[in-house]
Amino acid sequence: DIIDFSSLKPLKCRQWNSWLNDKIPRLKNMSPVEAAKTAKGRKLLNKLLDFYDSLGGGRGDLNVNIPSKYARWKLGFGPGSEDEFEEEEKIFNFMSSDENTQRTTQRKDRHARKLEKMKASIFIPFRCEFAGCTKRGENMKKCFRCQCAYYCGADHQ
């Protein structure tokens, strides 16, 4: 094999773990873990996962997104068992095994201050970044991740 797909395990592990805990605009700025706790949140989460399914899912082993059936089971509102999702559980827990743990790095205070100073010096227009949208103004919603892009609503993020 030219490509060793097992080298994608750490990437998939980080992606899946962060997806479960990151706030998502389509979930009313809740994380999937938070959304799974309420009926309304689960409804939004099902719609989001159905949308992901409609996109096709990528190229098998190269796809780093969390599989929707596994996500539903992991969040406690989908069918399945630990045996059924054994391979997914190995990927999800990959970094927590002793031989693969890595020290996480934290941004030092001086670097964080420098980053904030740089962000403050950049002009960022209040306009929706969605292609084809012409909405502008102060009532734009800021991207949770980068804090630099703006969108008029969750559907345009």
Protein backbone atom coordinates (compact mmCIF):
# COMPACT_ATOMS: atom_id res chain seq x y z
CA ASP A 1 0.00 0.00 0.00
CA ILE A 2 1.17 3.50 -0.81
CA ILE A 3 -1.04 5.08 1.85
CA ASP A 4 -1.10 3.82 5.42
CA PHE A 5 -4.66 4.59 6.55
CA SER A 6 -3.81 3.73 10.15
CA SER A 7 -1.86 7.00 10.30
CA LEU A 8 -5.24 8.79 10.06
CA LYS A 9 -6.34 7.38 13.43
CA PRO A 10 -4.95 10.28 15.51
CA LEU A 11 -6.54 12.78 13.13
CA LYS A 12 -9.90 10.99 13.25
CA CYS A 13 -9.69 10.76 17.04
CA ARG A 14 -9.10 14.51 17.42
CA GLN A 15 -11.77 15.35 14.84
CA TRP A 16 -14.44 13.11 16.40
CA ASN A 17 -13.71 14.24 19.96
CA SER A 18 -13.72 17.92 19.05
CA TRP A 19 -16.91 17.57 16.96
CA LEU A 20 -18.78 16.15 19.96
CA ASN A 21 -17.73 19.07 22.17
CA ASP A 22 -17.58 22.06 19.80
CA LYS A 23 -20.50 24.47 19.63
CA ILE A 24 -22.23 24.22 16.24
CA PRO A 25 -24.36 27.08 14.86
CA ARG A 26 -26.92 24.68 13.34
CA LEU A 27 -27.47 23.34 16.84
CA LYS A 28 -28.24 26.85 18.17
CA ASN A 29 -24.61 27.16 19.35
CA MET A 30 -24.79 24.00 21.44
CA SER A 31 -22.32 21.16 21.25
CA PRO A 32 -23.69 17.78 20.13
CA VAL A 33 -23.21 16.54 23.71
CA GLU A 34 -25.36 19.44 25.02
CA ALA A 35 -27.94 19.05 22.24
CA ALA A 36 -28.38 15.32 22.94
CA LYS A 37 -29.70 16.14 26.43
CA THR A 38 -32.97 17.71 25.24
CA ALA A 39 -35.72 16.61 22.84
CA LYS A 40 -35.40 19.84 20.83
CA GLY A 41 -31.61 19.42 20.70
CA ARG A 42 -31.89 15.81 19.54
CA LYS A 43 -34.26 16.91 16.79
CA LEU A 44 -31.72 19.51 15.60
CA LEU A 45 -28.93 16.96 15.92
CA ASN A 46 -30.85 14.40 13.84
CA LYS A 47 -31.44 17.02 11.14
CA LEU A 48 -27.72 17.90 11.15
CA LEU A 49 -26.64 14.25 10.95
CA ASP A 50 -29.19 13.59 8.17
CA PHE A 51 -27.72 16.58 6.32
CA TYR A 52 -24.21 15.11 6.72
CA ASP A 53 -25.50 11.79 5.37
CA SER A 54 -26.97 13.56 2.33
CA LEU A 55 -23.52 14.93 1.49
CA GLY A 56 -22.23 11.43 0.80
CA GLY A 57 -19.57 10.92 3.45
CA GLY A 58 -16.34 11.07 1.47
CA ARG A 59 -13.98 8.31 0.46
CA GLY A 60 -14.14 5.48 2.95
CA ASP A 61 -10.88 5.34 4.88
CA LEU A 62 -9.99 8.92 3.93
CA ASN A 63 -13.15 10.34 5.51
CA VAL A 64 -12.27 11.83 8.93
CA ASN A 65 -15.82 12.86 9.86
CA ILE A 66 -17.64 11.00 12.61
CA PRO A 67 -20.07 8.43 11.14
CA SER A 68 -23.64 9.53 11.88
CA LYS A 69 -24.85 6.09 13.09
CA TYR A 70 -21.94 5.97 15.54
CA ALA A 71 -22.53 9.60 16.62
CA ARG A 72 -26.17 8.86 17.40
CA TRP A 73 -25.21 5.78 19.42
CA LYS A 74 -22.35 7.59 21.20
CA LEU A 75 -24.69 10.44 22.16
CA GLY A 76 -27.20 7.95 23.56
CA PHE A 77 -30.16 8.24 21.18
CA GLY A 78 -29.39 5.79 18.41
CA PRO A 79 -29.45 2.02 18.11
CA GLY A 80 -26.33 -0.05 18.35
CA SER A 81 -23.94 -1.71 20.76
CA GLU A 82 -20.31 -1.52 21.75
CA ASP A 83 -19.70 -4.69 19.73
CA GLU A 84 -21.26 -3.15 16.62
CA PHE A 85 -19.12 -0.02 16.92
CA GLU A 86 -15.93 -1.71 18.13
CA GLU A 87 -13.75 -0.24 15.36
CA GLU A 88 -15.18 3.26 15.83
CA GLU A 89 -14.60 3.04 19.59
CA LYS A 90 -10.94 2.13 18.96
CA ILE A 91 -10.56 5.24 16.81
CA PHE A 92 -12.49 7.46 19.26
CA ASN A 93 -10.33 6.33 22.19
CA PHE A 94 -7.09 6.11 20.21
CA MET A 95 -5.25 8.97 21.94
CA SER A 96 -6.18 7.85 25.43
CA SER A 97 -4.26 4.59 25.21
CA ASP A 98 -0.93 4.72 27.09
CA GLU A 99 1.36 4.21 24.12
CA ASN A 100 -0.26 7.00 22.11
CA THR A 101 -0.81 9.76 24.65
CA GLN A 102 0.73 13.05 23.67
CA ARG A 103 1.30 16.10 25.79
CA THR A 104 -1.10 18.82 24.78
CA THR A 105 0.39 22.24 24.30
CA GLN A 106 -1.10 25.36 25.77
CA ARG A 107 -0.63 28.81 24.32
CA LYS A 108 1.56 30.88 26.63
CA ASP A 109 0.06 34.08 28.00
CA ARG A 110 2.42 36.32 26.04
CA HIS A 111 1.51 34.53 22.80
CA ALA A 112 -2.21 34.76 23.57
CA ARG A 113 -1.86 38.51 24.21
CA LYS A 114 0.07 38.95 20.96
CA LEU A 115 -2.62 37.03 19.04
CA GLU A 116 -5.39 39.17 20.55
CA LYS A 117 -3.46 42.34 19.65
CA MET A 118 -3.07 41.13 16.06
CA LYS A 119 -6.78 40.24 15.82
CA ALA A 120 -7.71 43.69 17.13
CA SER A 121 -5.58 45.39 14.48
CA ILE A 122 -7.25 43.59 11.57
CA PHE A 123 -10.32 45.18 10.00
CA ILE A 124 -13.05 42.60 9.64
CA PRO A 125 -16.16 43.76 7.76
CA PHE A 126 -19.57 42.91 9.19
CA ARG A 127 -20.88 40.96 6.21
CA CYS A 128 -22.06 37.42 5.69
CA GLU A 129 -19.22 35.25 4.35
CA PHE A 130 -21.60 32.79 2.69
CA ALA A 131 -21.10 32.82 -1.10
CA GLY A 132 -23.80 34.86 -2.79
CA CYS A 133 -25.23 36.41 0.39
CA THR A 134 -25.26 40.21 0.42
CA LYS A 135 -26.42 40.82 4.00
CA ARG A 136 -24.35 43.29 6.05
CA GLY A 137 -24.59 45.08 9.36
CA GLU A 138 -24.04 44.90 13.09
CA ASN A 139 -26.47 42.00 13.65
CA MET A 140 -24.15 39.42 12.07
CA LYS A 141 -23.15 36.37 14.10
CA LYS A 142 -19.44 35.78 14.67
CA CYS A 143 -17.88 32.41 13.77
CA PHE A 144 -17.33 30.56 17.04
CA ARG A 145 -14.10 28.91 15.88
CA CYS A 146 -12.03 31.64 14.22
CA GLN A 147 -13.82 34.67 15.71
CA CYS A 148 -13.05 36.51 12.45
CA ALA A 149 -15.76 35.50 9.97
CA TYR A 150 -19.37 36.66 10.22
CA TYR A 151 -22.59 35.01 9.09
CA CYS A 152 -26.19 36.19 8.96
CA GLY A 153 -27.50 32.92 10.38
CA ALA A 154 -26.69 29.33 11.27
CA ASP A 155 -27.74 28.10 7.84
CA HIS A 156 -24.99 30.19 6.20
CA GLN A 157 -22.16 29.05 8.47
